[in-house]
């Protein structure tokens, strides 16, 4: 987490940045589990 400052000068923690490779692995795994999907709903085969 990198530090940044707000308008009052207080140090805030920047949100953690997840590595793209981690996101890709999880996204692929979820895609492999998917039985049904539309713009509102995702049905997984856990």
ModelCIF file with pLDDT and N, C-alpha, C, O atoms, coordinates in Angstrom:
data_MODEL
#
_entry.id   MODEL 
#
_entity.id                         1 
_entity.type                       polymer 
_entity.pdbx_number_of_molecules   1 
#
_entity_poly.entity_id                      1 
_entity_poly.type                           'polypeptide(L)' 
_entity_poly.nstd_linkage                   no 
_entity_poly.nstd_monomer                   no 
_entity_poly.pdbx_seq_one_letter_code       
;(UNK)(UNK)(UNK)(UNK)(UNK)(UNK)(UNK)(UNK)(UNK)(UNK)(UNK)(UNK)(UNK)(UNK)(UNK)(UNK)
(UNK)(UNK)(UNK)(UNK)(UNK)(UNK)(UNK)(UNK)(UNK)(UNK)(UNK)(UNK)(UNK)(UNK)(UNK)(UNK)
(UNK)(UNK)(UNK)(UNK)(UNK)(UNK)(UNK)(UNK)(UNK)(UNK)(UNK)(UNK)(UNK)(UNK)
;
_entity_poly.pdbx_seq_one_letter_code_can   XXXXXXXXXXXXXXXXXXXXXXXXXXXXXXXXXXXXXXXXXXXXXX 
_entity_poly.pdbx_strand_id                 A 
#
loop_
_entity_poly_seq.entity_id 
_entity_poly_seq.num 
_entity_poly_seq.mon_id 
_entity_poly_seq.hetero 
1 1  UNK n 
1 2  UNK n 
1 3  UNK n 
1 4  UNK n 
1 5  UNK n 
1 6  UNK n 
1 7  UNK n 
1 8  UNK n 
1 9  UNK n 
1 10 UNK n 
1 11 UNK n 
1 12 UNK n 
1 13 UNK n 
1 14 UNK n 
1 15 UNK n 
1 16 UNK n 
1 17 UNK n 
1 18 UNK n 
1 19 UNK n 
1 20 UNK n 
1 21 UNK n 
1 22 UNK n 
1 23 UNK n 
1 24 UNK n 
1 25 UNK n 
1 26 UNK n 
1 27 UNK n 
1 28 UNK n 
1 29 UNK n 
1 30 UNK n 
1 31 UNK n 
1 32 UNK n 
1 33 UNK n 
1 34 UNK n 
1 35 UNK n 
1 36 UNK n 
1 37 UNK n 
1 38 UNK n 
1 39 UNK n 
1 40 UNK n 
1 41 UNK n 
1 42 UNK n 
1 43 UNK n 
1 44 UNK n 
1 45 UNK n 
1 46 UNK n 
#
_struct_asym.id          A 
_struct_asym.entity_id   1 
#
loop_
_ma_qa_metric.id 
_ma_qa_metric.mode 
_ma_qa_metric.name 
_ma_qa_metric.software_group_id 
_ma_qa_metric.type 
1 global pLDDT . pLDDT 
2 local  pLDDT . pLDDT 
#
_ma_qa_metric_global.metric_id      1 
_ma_qa_metric_global.metric_value   67.89 
_ma_qa_metric_global.model_id       1 
_ma_qa_metric_global.ordinal_id     1 
#
loop_
_ma_qa_metric_local.label_asym_id 
_ma_qa_metric_local.label_comp_id 
_ma_qa_metric_local.label_seq_id 
_ma_qa_metric_local.metric_id 
_ma_qa_metric_local.metric_value 
_ma_qa_metric_local.model_id 
_ma_qa_metric_local.ordinal_id 
A UNK 1  2 40.00 1 1  
A UNK 2  2 38.00 1 2  
A UNK 3  2 36.00 1 3  
A UNK 4  2 36.00 1 4  
A UNK 5  2 34.00 1 5  
A UNK 6  2 33.00 1 6  
A UNK 7  2 32.00 1 7  
A UNK 8  2 32.00 1 8  
A UNK 9  2 33.00 1 9  
A UNK 10 2 32.00 1 10 
A UNK 11 2 33.00 1 11 
A UNK 12 2 33.00 1 12 
A UNK 13 2 35.00 1 13 
A UNK 14 2 35.00 1 14 
A UNK 15 2 38.00 1 15 
A UNK 16 2 37.00 1 16 
A UNK 17 2 40.00 1 17 
A UNK 18 2 42.00 1 18 
A UNK 19 2 44.00 1 19 
A UNK 20 2 49.00 1 20 
A UNK 21 2 58.00 1 21 
A UNK 22 2 65.00 1 22 
A UNK 23 2 78.00 1 23 
A UNK 24 2 86.00 1 24 
A UNK 25 2 91.00 1 25 
A UNK 26 2 93.00 1 26 
A UNK 27 2 93.00 1 27 
A UNK 28 2 94.00 1 28 
A UNK 29 2 95.00 1 29 
A UNK 30 2 96.00 1 30 
A UNK 31 2 96.00 1 31 
A UNK 32 2 96.00 1 32 
A UNK 33 2 97.00 1 33 
A UNK 34 2 97.00 1 34 
A UNK 35 2 97.00 1 35 
A UNK 36 2 97.00 1 36 
A UNK 37 2 96.00 1 37 
A UNK 38 2 95.00 1 38 
A UNK 39 2 93.00 1 39 
A UNK 40 2 95.00 1 40 
A UNK 41 2 96.00 1 41 
A UNK 42 2 96.00 1 42 
A UNK 43 2 97.00 1 43 
A UNK 44 2 98.00 1 44 
A UNK 45 2 98.00 1 45 
A UNK 46 2 98.00 1 46 
#
loop_
_atom_site.group_PDB 
_atom_site.id 
_atom_site.type_symbol 
_atom_site.label_atom_id 
_atom_site.label_alt_id 
_atom_site.label_comp_id 
_atom_site.label_asym_id 
_atom_site.label_entity_id 
_atom_site.label_seq_id 
_atom_site.pdbx_PDB_ins_code 
_atom_site.Cartn_x 
_atom_site.Cartn_y 
_atom_site.Cartn_z 
_atom_site.occupancy 
_atom_site.B_iso_or_equiv 
_atom_site.pdbx_formal_charge 
_atom_site.auth_seq_id 
_atom_site.auth_comp_id 
_atom_site.auth_asym_id 
_atom_site.auth_atom_id 
_atom_site.pdbx_PDB_model_num 
ATOM 1   N N  . UNK A 1 1  ? 0.862   -1.183  0.000   1.00 40.00 ? 1  UNK A N  1 
ATOM 2   C CA . UNK A 1 1  ? 0.000   0.000   0.000   1.00 40.00 ? 1  UNK A CA 1 
ATOM 3   C C  . UNK A 1 1  ? 0.900   1.235   0.000   1.00 40.00 ? 1  UNK A C  1 
ATOM 4   O O  . UNK A 1 1  ? 1.803   1.344   0.830   1.00 40.00 ? 1  UNK A O  1 
ATOM 5   N N  . UNK A 1 2  ? 0.669   2.131   -0.892  1.00 38.00 ? 2  UNK A N  1 
ATOM 6   C CA . UNK A 1 2  ? 1.457   3.354   -0.926  1.00 38.00 ? 2  UNK A CA 1 
ATOM 7   C C  . UNK A 1 2  ? 0.694   4.463   -0.219  1.00 38.00 ? 2  UNK A C  1 
ATOM 8   O O  . UNK A 1 2  ? -0.536  4.451   -0.172  1.00 38.00 ? 2  UNK A O  1 
ATOM 9   N N  . UNK A 1 3  ? 1.424   5.409   0.325   1.00 36.00 ? 3  UNK A N  1 
ATOM 10  C CA . UNK A 1 3  ? 0.778   6.485   1.072   1.00 36.00 ? 3  UNK A CA 1 
ATOM 11  C C  . UNK A 1 3  ? 0.419   7.635   0.151   1.00 36.00 ? 3  UNK A C  1 
ATOM 12  O O  . UNK A 1 3  ? 1.114   7.920   -0.824  1.00 36.00 ? 3  UNK A O  1 
ATOM 13  N N  . UNK A 1 4  ? -0.702  8.296   0.491   1.00 36.00 ? 4  UNK A N  1 
ATOM 14  C CA . UNK A 1 4  ? -1.077  9.513   -0.209  1.00 36.00 ? 4  UNK A CA 1 
ATOM 15  C C  . UNK A 1 4  ? -1.687  10.445  0.827   1.00 36.00 ? 4  UNK A C  1 
ATOM 16  O O  . UNK A 1 4  ? -1.926  10.023  1.959   1.00 36.00 ? 4  UNK A O  1 
ATOM 17  N N  . UNK A 1 5  ? -1.943  11.687  0.477   1.00 34.00 ? 5  UNK A N  1 
ATOM 18  C CA . UNK A 1 5  ? -2.491  12.644  1.432   1.00 34.00 ? 5  UNK A CA 1 
ATOM 19  C C  . UNK A 1 5  ? -3.826  13.156  0.961   1.00 34.00 ? 5  UNK A C  1 
ATOM 20  O O  . UNK A 1 5  ? -4.064  13.316  -0.237  1.00 34.00 ? 5  UNK A O  1 
ATOM 21  N N  . UNK A 1 6  ? -4.718  13.419  1.942   1.00 33.00 ? 6  UNK A N  1 
ATOM 22  C CA . UNK A 1 6  ? -5.990  14.027  1.557   1.00 33.00 ? 6  UNK A CA 1 
ATOM 23  C C  . UNK A 1 6  ? -5.824  15.538  1.532   1.00 33.00 ? 6  UNK A C  1 
ATOM 24  O O  . UNK A 1 6  ? -4.714  16.048  1.681   1.00 33.00 ? 6  UNK A O  1 
ATOM 25  N N  . UNK A 1 7  ? -6.931  16.255  1.342   1.00 32.00 ? 7  UNK A N  1 
ATOM 26  C CA . UNK A 1 7  ? -6.848  17.703  1.178   1.00 32.00 ? 7  UNK A CA 1 
ATOM 27  C C  . UNK A 1 7  ? -6.344  18.395  2.442   1.00 32.00 ? 7  UNK A C  1 
ATOM 28  O O  . UNK A 1 7  ? -5.801  19.497  2.374   1.00 32.00 ? 7  UNK A O  1 
ATOM 29  N N  . UNK A 1 8  ? -6.526  17.735  3.619   1.00 32.00 ? 8  UNK A N  1 
ATOM 30  C CA . UNK A 1 8  ? -6.091  18.331  4.873   1.00 32.00 ? 8  UNK A CA 1 
ATOM 31  C C  . UNK A 1 8  ? -4.662  17.945  5.220   1.00 32.00 ? 8  UNK A C  1 
ATOM 32  O O  . UNK A 1 8  ? -4.152  18.319  6.276   1.00 32.00 ? 8  UNK A O  1 
ATOM 33  N N  . UNK A 1 9  ? -4.012  17.191  4.325   1.00 33.00 ? 9  UNK A N  1 
ATOM 34  C CA . UNK A 1 9  ? -2.630  16.831  4.551   1.00 33.00 ? 9  UNK A CA 1 
ATOM 35  C C  . UNK A 1 9  ? -2.438  15.570  5.355   1.00 33.00 ? 9  UNK A C  1 
ATOM 36  O O  . UNK A 1 9  ? -1.299  15.167  5.595   1.00 33.00 ? 9  UNK A O  1 
ATOM 37  N N  . UNK A 1 10 ? -3.559  14.902  5.799   1.00 32.00 ? 10 UNK A N  1 
ATOM 38  C CA . UNK A 1 10 ? -3.413  13.668  6.557   1.00 32.00 ? 10 UNK A CA 1 
ATOM 39  C C  . UNK A 1 10 ? -3.062  12.521  5.626   1.00 32.00 ? 10 UNK A C  1 
ATOM 40  O O  . UNK A 1 10 ? -3.580  12.409  4.515   1.00 32.00 ? 10 UNK A O  1 
ATOM 41  N N  . UNK A 1 11 ? -2.165  11.672  6.112   1.00 33.00 ? 11 UNK A N  1 
ATOM 42  C CA . UNK A 1 11 ? -1.730  10.557  5.285   1.00 33.00 ? 11 UNK A CA 1 
ATOM 43  C C  . UNK A 1 11 ? -2.800  9.471   5.264   1.00 33.00 ? 11 UNK A C  1 
ATOM 44  O O  . UNK A 1 11 ? -3.295  9.066   6.316   1.00 33.00 ? 11 UNK A O  1 
ATOM 45  N N  . UNK A 1 12 ? -3.154  9.004   4.085   1.00 33.00 ? 12 UNK A N  1 
ATOM 46  C CA . UNK A 1 12 ? -4.137  7.950   3.906   1.00 33.00 ? 12 UNK A CA 1 
ATOM 47  C C  . UNK A 1 12 ? -3.483  6.769   3.220   1.00 33.00 ? 12 UNK A C  1 
ATOM 48  O O  . UNK A 1 12 ? -2.521  6.938   2.470   1.00 33.00 ? 12 UNK A O  1 
ATOM 49  N N  . UNK A 1 13 ? -3.991  5.589   3.467   1.00 35.00 ? 13 UNK A N  1 
ATOM 50  C CA . UNK A 1 13 ? -3.457  4.391   2.807   1.00 35.00 ? 13 UNK A CA 1 
ATOM 51  C C  . UNK A 1 13 ? -4.121  4.202   1.466   1.00 35.00 ? 13 UNK A C  1 
ATOM 52  O O  . UNK A 1 13 ? -5.347  4.144   1.363   1.00 35.00 ? 13 UNK A O  1 
ATOM 53  N N  . UNK A 1 14 ? -3.298  4.105   0.438   1.00 35.00 ? 14 UNK A N  1 
ATOM 54  C CA . UNK A 1 14 ? -3.851  3.835   -0.891  1.00 35.00 ? 14 UNK A CA 1 
ATOM 55  C C  . UNK A 1 14 ? -4.333  2.401   -0.938  1.00 35.00 ? 14 UNK A C  1 
ATOM 56  O O  . UNK A 1 14 ? -3.732  1.535   -0.302  1.00 35.00 ? 14 UNK A O  1 
ATOM 57  N N  . UNK A 1 15 ? -5.409  2.117   -1.680  1.00 38.00 ? 15 UNK A N  1 
ATOM 58  C CA . UNK A 1 15 ? -5.905  0.742   -1.741  1.00 38.00 ? 15 UNK A CA 1 
ATOM 59  C C  . UNK A 1 15 ? -4.866  -0.198  -2.324  1.00 38.00 ? 15 UNK A C  1 
ATOM 60  O O  . UNK A 1 15 ? -4.098  0.176   -3.210  1.00 38.00 ? 15 UNK A O  1 
ATOM 61  N N  . UNK A 1 16 ? -4.851  -1.430  -1.813  1.00 37.00 ? 16 UNK A N  1 
ATOM 62  C CA . UNK A 1 16 ? -3.899  -2.423  -2.308  1.00 37.00 ? 16 UNK A CA 1 
ATOM 63  C C  . UNK A 1 16 ? -4.183  -2.723  -3.766  1.00 37.00 ? 16 UNK A C  1 
ATOM 64  O O  . UNK A 1 16 ? -5.339  -2.852  -4.170  1.00 37.00 ? 16 UNK A O  1 
ATOM 65  N N  . UNK A 1 17 ? -3.138  -2.832  -4.545  1.00 40.00 ? 17 UNK A N  1 
ATOM 66  C CA . UNK A 1 17 ? -3.280  -3.149  -5.969  1.00 40.00 ? 17 UNK A CA 1 
ATOM 67  C C  . UNK A 1 17 ? -2.963  -4.617  -6.168  1.00 40.00 ? 17 UNK A C  1 
ATOM 68  O O  . UNK A 1 17 ? -1.829  -5.041  -5.944  1.00 40.00 ? 17 UNK A O  1 
ATOM 69  N N  . UNK A 1 18 ? -3.944  -5.395  -6.585  1.00 42.00 ? 18 UNK A N  1 
ATOM 70  C CA . UNK A 1 18 ? -3.724  -6.808  -6.799  1.00 42.00 ? 18 UNK A CA 1 
ATOM 71  C C  . UNK A 1 18 ? -3.039  -7.028  -8.129  1.00 42.00 ? 18 UNK A C  1 
ATOM 72  O O  . UNK A 1 18 ? -3.293  -6.315  -9.100  1.00 42.00 ? 18 UNK A O  1 
ATOM 73  N N  . UNK A 1 19 ? -2.174  -8.013  -8.163  1.00 44.00 ? 19 UNK A N  1 
ATOM 74  C CA . UNK A 1 19 ? -1.458  -8.291  -9.396  1.00 44.00 ? 19 UNK A CA 1 
ATOM 75  C C  . UNK A 1 19 ? -2.407  -8.825  -10.455 1.00 44.00 ? 19 UNK A C  1 
ATOM 76  O O  . UNK A 1 19 ? -3.310  -9.606  -10.153 1.00 44.00 ? 19 UNK A O  1 
ATOM 77  N N  . UNK A 1 20 ? -2.205  -8.412  -11.665 1.00 49.00 ? 20 UNK A N  1 
ATOM 78  C CA . UNK A 1 20 ? -3.091  -8.826  -12.751 1.00 49.00 ? 20 UNK A CA 1 
ATOM 79  C C  . UNK A 1 20 ? -3.140  -10.337 -12.886 1.00 49.00 ? 20 UNK A C  1 
ATOM 80  O O  . UNK A 1 20 ? -4.188  -10.902 -13.201 1.00 49.00 ? 20 UNK A O  1 
ATOM 81  N N  . UNK A 1 21 ? -1.998  -11.003 -12.646 1.00 58.00 ? 21 UNK A N  1 
ATOM 82  C CA . UNK A 1 21 ? -1.959  -12.451 -12.792 1.00 58.00 ? 21 UNK A CA 1 
ATOM 83  C C  . UNK A 1 21 ? -2.887  -13.132 -11.801 1.00 58.00 ? 21 UNK A C  1 
ATOM 84  O O  . UNK A 1 21 ? -3.501  -14.148 -12.124 1.00 58.00 ? 21 UNK A O  1 
ATOM 85  N N  . UNK A 1 22 ? -3.000  -12.568 -10.566 1.00 65.00 ? 22 UNK A N  1 
ATOM 86  C CA . UNK A 1 22 ? -3.893  -13.130 -9.561  1.00 65.00 ? 22 UNK A CA 1 
ATOM 87  C C  . UNK A 1 22 ? -5.341  -12.971 -9.987  1.00 65.00 ? 22 UNK A C  1 
ATOM 88  O O  . UNK A 1 22 ? -6.130  -13.911 -9.898  1.00 65.00 ? 22 UNK A O  1 
ATOM 89  N N  . UNK A 1 23 ? -5.687  -11.774 -10.453 1.00 78.00 ? 23 UNK A N  1 
ATOM 90  C CA . UNK A 1 23 ? -7.044  -11.539 -10.946 1.00 78.00 ? 23 UNK A CA 1 
ATOM 91  C C  . UNK A 1 23 ? -7.368  -12.463 -12.104 1.00 78.00 ? 23 UNK A C  1 
ATOM 92  O O  . UNK A 1 23 ? -8.466  -13.015 -12.180 1.00 78.00 ? 23 UNK A O  1 
ATOM 93  N N  . UNK A 1 24 ? -6.425  -12.628 -12.994 1.00 86.00 ? 24 UNK A N  1 
ATOM 94  C CA . UNK A 1 24 ? -6.656  -13.466 -14.176 1.00 86.00 ? 24 UNK A CA 1 
ATOM 95  C C  . UNK A 1 24 ? -6.927  -14.909 -13.777 1.00 86.00 ? 24 UNK A C  1 
ATOM 96  O O  . UNK A 1 24 ? -7.808  -15.559 -14.339 1.00 86.00 ? 24 UNK A O  1 
ATOM 97  N N  . UNK A 1 25 ? -6.169  -15.407 -12.810 1.00 91.00 ? 25 UNK A N  1 
ATOM 98  C CA . UNK A 1 25 ? -6.359  -16.788 -12.367 1.00 91.00 ? 25 UNK A CA 1 
ATOM 99  C C  . UNK A 1 25 ? -7.737  -16.976 -11.750 1.00 91.00 ? 25 UNK A C  1 
ATOM 100 O O  . UNK A 1 25 ? -8.433  -17.945 -12.054 1.00 91.00 ? 25 UNK A O  1 
ATOM 101 N N  . UNK A 1 26 ? -8.131  -16.043 -10.880 1.00 93.00 ? 26 UNK A N  1 
ATOM 102 C CA . UNK A 1 26 ? -9.446  -16.150 -10.252 1.00 93.00 ? 26 UNK A CA 1 
ATOM 103 C C  . UNK A 1 26 ? -10.558 -16.006 -11.287 1.00 93.00 ? 26 UNK A C  1 
ATOM 104 O O  . UNK A 1 26 ? -11.553 -16.730 -11.240 1.00 93.00 ? 26 UNK A O  1 
ATOM 105 N N  . UNK A 1 27 ? -10.387 -15.070 -12.221 1.00 93.00 ? 27 UNK A N  1 
ATOM 106 C CA . UNK A 1 27 ? -11.403 -14.860 -13.251 1.00 93.00 ? 27 UNK A CA 1 
ATOM 107 C C  . UNK A 1 27 ? -11.554 -16.102 -14.123 1.00 93.00 ? 27 UNK A C  1 
ATOM 108 O O  . UNK A 1 27 ? -12.669 -16.481 -14.482 1.00 93.00 ? 27 UNK A O  1 
ATOM 109 N N  . UNK A 1 28 ? -10.432 -16.736 -14.465 1.00 94.00 ? 28 UNK A N  1 
ATOM 110 C CA . UNK A 1 28 ? -10.505 -17.955 -15.285 1.00 94.00 ? 28 UNK A CA 1 
ATOM 111 C C  . UNK A 1 28 ? -11.175 -19.091 -14.523 1.00 94.00 ? 28 UNK A C  1 
ATOM 112 O O  . UNK A 1 28 ? -11.966 -19.850 -15.083 1.00 94.00 ? 28 UNK A O  1 
ATOM 113 N N  . UNK A 1 29 ? -10.847 -19.199 -13.241 1.00 95.00 ? 29 UNK A N  1 
ATOM 114 C CA . UNK A 1 29 ? -11.451 -20.259 -12.431 1.00 95.00 ? 29 UNK A CA 1 
ATOM 115 C C  . UNK A 1 29 ? -12.966 -20.063 -12.329 1.00 95.00 ? 29 UNK A C  1 
ATOM 116 O O  . UNK A 1 29 ? -13.727 -21.026 -12.431 1.00 95.00 ? 29 UNK A O  1 
ATOM 117 N N  . UNK A 1 30 ? -13.399 -18.826 -12.129 1.00 96.00 ? 30 UNK A N  1 
ATOM 118 C CA . UNK A 1 30 ? -14.830 -18.544 -12.044 1.00 96.00 ? 30 UNK A CA 1 
ATOM 119 C C  . UNK A 1 30 ? -15.526 -18.809 -13.379 1.00 96.00 ? 30 UNK A C  1 
ATOM 120 O O  . UNK A 1 30 ? -16.655 -19.300 -13.411 1.00 96.00 ? 30 UNK A O  1 
ATOM 121 N N  . UNK A 1 31 ? -14.847 -18.483 -14.477 1.00 96.00 ? 31 UNK A N  1 
ATOM 122 C CA . UNK A 1 31 ? -15.417 -18.743 -15.792 1.00 96.00 ? 31 UNK A CA 1 
ATOM 123 C C  . UNK A 1 31 ? -15.621 -20.236 -16.001 1.00 96.00 ? 31 UNK A C  1 
ATOM 124 O O  . UNK A 1 31 ? -16.629 -20.661 -16.565 1.00 96.00 ? 31 UNK A O  1 
ATOM 125 N N  . UNK A 1 32 ? -14.653 -21.030 -15.543 1.00 96.00 ? 32 UNK A N  1 
ATOM 126 C CA . UNK A 1 32 ? -14.772 -22.481 -15.683 1.00 96.00 ? 32 UNK A CA 1 
ATOM 127 C C  . UNK A 1 32 ? -15.923 -23.036 -14.846 1.00 96.00 ? 32 UNK A C  1 
ATOM 128 O O  . UNK A 1 32 ? -16.482 -24.081 -15.179 1.00 96.00 ? 32 UNK A O  1 
ATOM 129 N N  . UNK A 1 33 ? -16.278 -22.348 -13.768 1.00 97.00 ? 33 UNK A N  1 
ATOM 130 C CA . UNK A 1 33 ? -17.374 -22.801 -12.904 1.00 97.00 ? 33 UNK A CA 1 
ATOM 131 C C  . UNK A 1 33 ? -18.755 -22.352 -13.402 1.00 97.00 ? 33 UNK A C  1 
ATOM 132 O O  . UNK A 1 33 ? -19.776 -22.859 -12.938 1.00 97.00 ? 33 UNK A O  1 
ATOM 133 N N  . UNK A 1 34 ? -18.787 -21.407 -14.340 1.00 97.00 ? 34 UNK A N  1 
ATOM 134 C CA . UNK A 1 34 ? -20.042 -20.761 -14.705 1.00 97.00 ? 34 UNK A CA 1 
ATOM 135 C C  . UNK A 1 34 ? -20.990 -21.687 -15.477 1.00 97.00 ? 34 UNK A C  1 
ATOM 136 O O  . UNK A 1 34 ? -20.629 -22.289 -16.488 1.00 97.00 ? 34 UNK A O  1 
ATOM 137 N N  . UNK A 1 35 ? -22.222 -21.771 -14.951 1.00 97.00 ? 35 UNK A N  1 
ATOM 138 C CA . UNK A 1 35 ? -23.278 -22.538 -15.612 1.00 97.00 ? 35 UNK A CA 1 
ATOM 139 C C  . UNK A 1 35 ? -24.240 -21.632 -16.372 1.00 97.00 ? 35 UNK A C  1 
ATOM 140 O O  . UNK A 1 35 ? -24.817 -22.028 -17.384 1.00 97.00 ? 35 UNK A O  1 
ATOM 141 N N  . UNK A 1 36 ? -24.404 -20.401 -15.866 1.00 97.00 ? 36 UNK A N  1 
ATOM 142 C CA . UNK A 1 36 ? -25.330 -19.443 -16.488 1.00 97.00 ? 36 UNK A CA 1 
ATOM 143 C C  . UNK A 1 36 ? -24.865 -18.037 -16.140 1.00 97.00 ? 36 UNK A C  1 
ATOM 144 O O  . UNK A 1 36 ? -24.382 -17.785 -15.036 1.00 97.00 ? 36 UNK A O  1 
ATOM 145 N N  . UNK A 1 37 ? -25.015 -17.125 -17.092 1.00 96.00 ? 37 UNK A N  1 
ATOM 146 C CA . UNK A 1 37 ? -24.637 -15.741 -16.838 1.00 96.00 ? 37 UNK A CA 1 
ATOM 147 C C  . UNK A 1 37 ? -25.433 -14.798 -17.707 1.00 96.00 ? 37 UNK A C  1 
ATOM 148 O O  . UNK A 1 37 ? -25.656 -15.072 -18.886 1.00 96.00 ? 37 UNK A O  1 
ATOM 149 N N  . UNK A 1 38 ? -25.870 -13.675 -17.127 1.00 95.00 ? 38 UNK A N  1 
ATOM 150 C CA . UNK A 1 38 ? -26.410 -12.561 -17.898 1.00 95.00 ? 38 UNK A CA 1 
ATOM 151 C C  . UNK A 1 38 ? -25.951 -11.277 -17.212 1.00 95.00 ? 38 UNK A C  1 
ATOM 152 O O  . UNK A 1 38 ? -25.066 -11.334 -16.358 1.00 95.00 ? 38 UNK A O  1 
ATOM 153 N N  . UNK A 1 39 ? -26.506 -10.155 -17.546 1.00 93.00 ? 39 UNK A N  1 
ATOM 154 C CA . UNK A 1 39 ? -25.986 -8.895  -17.012 1.00 93.00 ? 39 UNK A CA 1 
ATOM 155 C C  . UNK A 1 39 ? -26.292 -8.700  -15.523 1.00 93.00 ? 39 UNK A C  1 
ATOM 156 O O  . UNK A 1 39 ? -25.708 -7.828  -14.881 1.00 93.00 ? 39 UNK A O  1 
ATOM 157 N N  . UNK A 1 40 ? -27.206 -9.510  -14.973 1.00 95.00 ? 40 UNK A N  1 
ATOM 158 C CA . UNK A 1 40 ? -27.592 -9.350  -13.574 1.00 95.00 ? 40 UNK A CA 1 
ATOM 159 C C  . UNK A 1 40 ? -27.152 -10.489 -12.671 1.00 95.00 ? 40 UNK A C  1 
ATOM 160 O O  . UNK A 1 40 ? -26.972 -10.301 -11.467 1.00 95.00 ? 40 UNK A O  1 
ATOM 161 N N  . UNK A 1 41 ? -26.978 -11.668 -13.251 1.00 96.00 ? 41 UNK A N  1 
ATOM 162 C CA . UNK A 1 41 ? -26.832 -12.881 -12.447 1.00 96.00 ? 41 UNK A CA 1 
ATOM 163 C C  . UNK A 1 41 ? -25.697 -13.760 -12.965 1.00 96.00 ? 41 UNK A C  1 
ATOM 164 O O  . UNK A 1 41 ? -25.416 -13.813 -14.163 1.00 96.00 ? 41 UNK A O  1 
ATOM 165 N N  . UNK A 1 42 ? -25.057 -14.445 -12.022 1.00 96.00 ? 42 UNK A N  1 
ATOM 166 C CA . UNK A 1 42 ? -24.042 -15.438 -12.339 1.00 96.00 ? 42 UNK A CA 1 
ATOM 167 C C  . UNK A 1 42 ? -24.376 -16.687 -11.526 1.00 96.00 ? 42 UNK A C  1 
ATOM 168 O O  . UNK A 1 42 ? -24.550 -16.605 -10.310 1.00 96.00 ? 42 UNK A O  1 
ATOM 169 N N  . UNK A 1 43 ? -24.467 -17.839 -12.188 1.00 97.00 ? 43 UNK A N  1 
ATOM 170 C CA . UNK A 1 43 ? -24.718 -19.098 -11.487 1.00 97.00 ? 43 UNK A CA 1 
ATOM 171 C C  . UNK A 1 43 ? -23.472 -19.968 -11.638 1.00 97.00 ? 43 UNK A C  1 
ATOM 172 O O  . UNK A 1 43 ? -23.070 -20.310 -12.750 1.00 97.00 ? 43 UNK A O  1 
ATOM 173 N N  . UNK A 1 44 ? -22.866 -20.319 -10.496 1.00 98.00 ? 44 UNK A N  1 
ATOM 174 C CA . UNK A 1 44 ? -21.622 -21.083 -10.496 1.00 98.00 ? 44 UNK A CA 1 
ATOM 175 C C  . UNK A 1 44 ? -21.865 -22.538 -10.106 1.00 98.00 ? 44 UNK A C  1 
ATOM 176 O O  . UNK A 1 44 ? -22.818 -22.852 -9.393  1.00 98.00 ? 44 UNK A O  1 
ATOM 177 N N  . UNK A 1 45 ? -20.999 -23.409 -10.576 1.00 98.00 ? 45 UNK A N  1 
ATOM 178 C CA . UNK A 1 45 ? -20.961 -24.798 -10.149 1.00 98.00 ? 45 UNK A CA 1 
ATOM 179 C C  . UNK A 1 45 ? -19.772 -24.939 -9.209  1.00 98.00 ? 45 UNK A C  1 
ATOM 180 O O  . UNK A 1 45 ? -18.657 -25.225 -9.644  1.00 98.00 ? 45 UNK A O  1 
ATOM 181 N N  . UNK A 1 46 ? -20.020 -24.733 -7.901  1.00 98.00 ? 46 UNK A N  1 
ATOM 182 C CA . UNK A 1 46 ? -18.928 -24.732 -6.929  1.00 98.00 ? 46 UNK A CA 1 
ATOM 183 C C  . UNK A 1 46 ? -18.393 -26.148 -6.726  1.00 98.00 ? 46 UNK A C  1 
ATOM 184 O O  . UNK A 1 46 ? -17.467 -26.351 -5.941  1.00 98.00 ? 46 UNK A O  1 
#
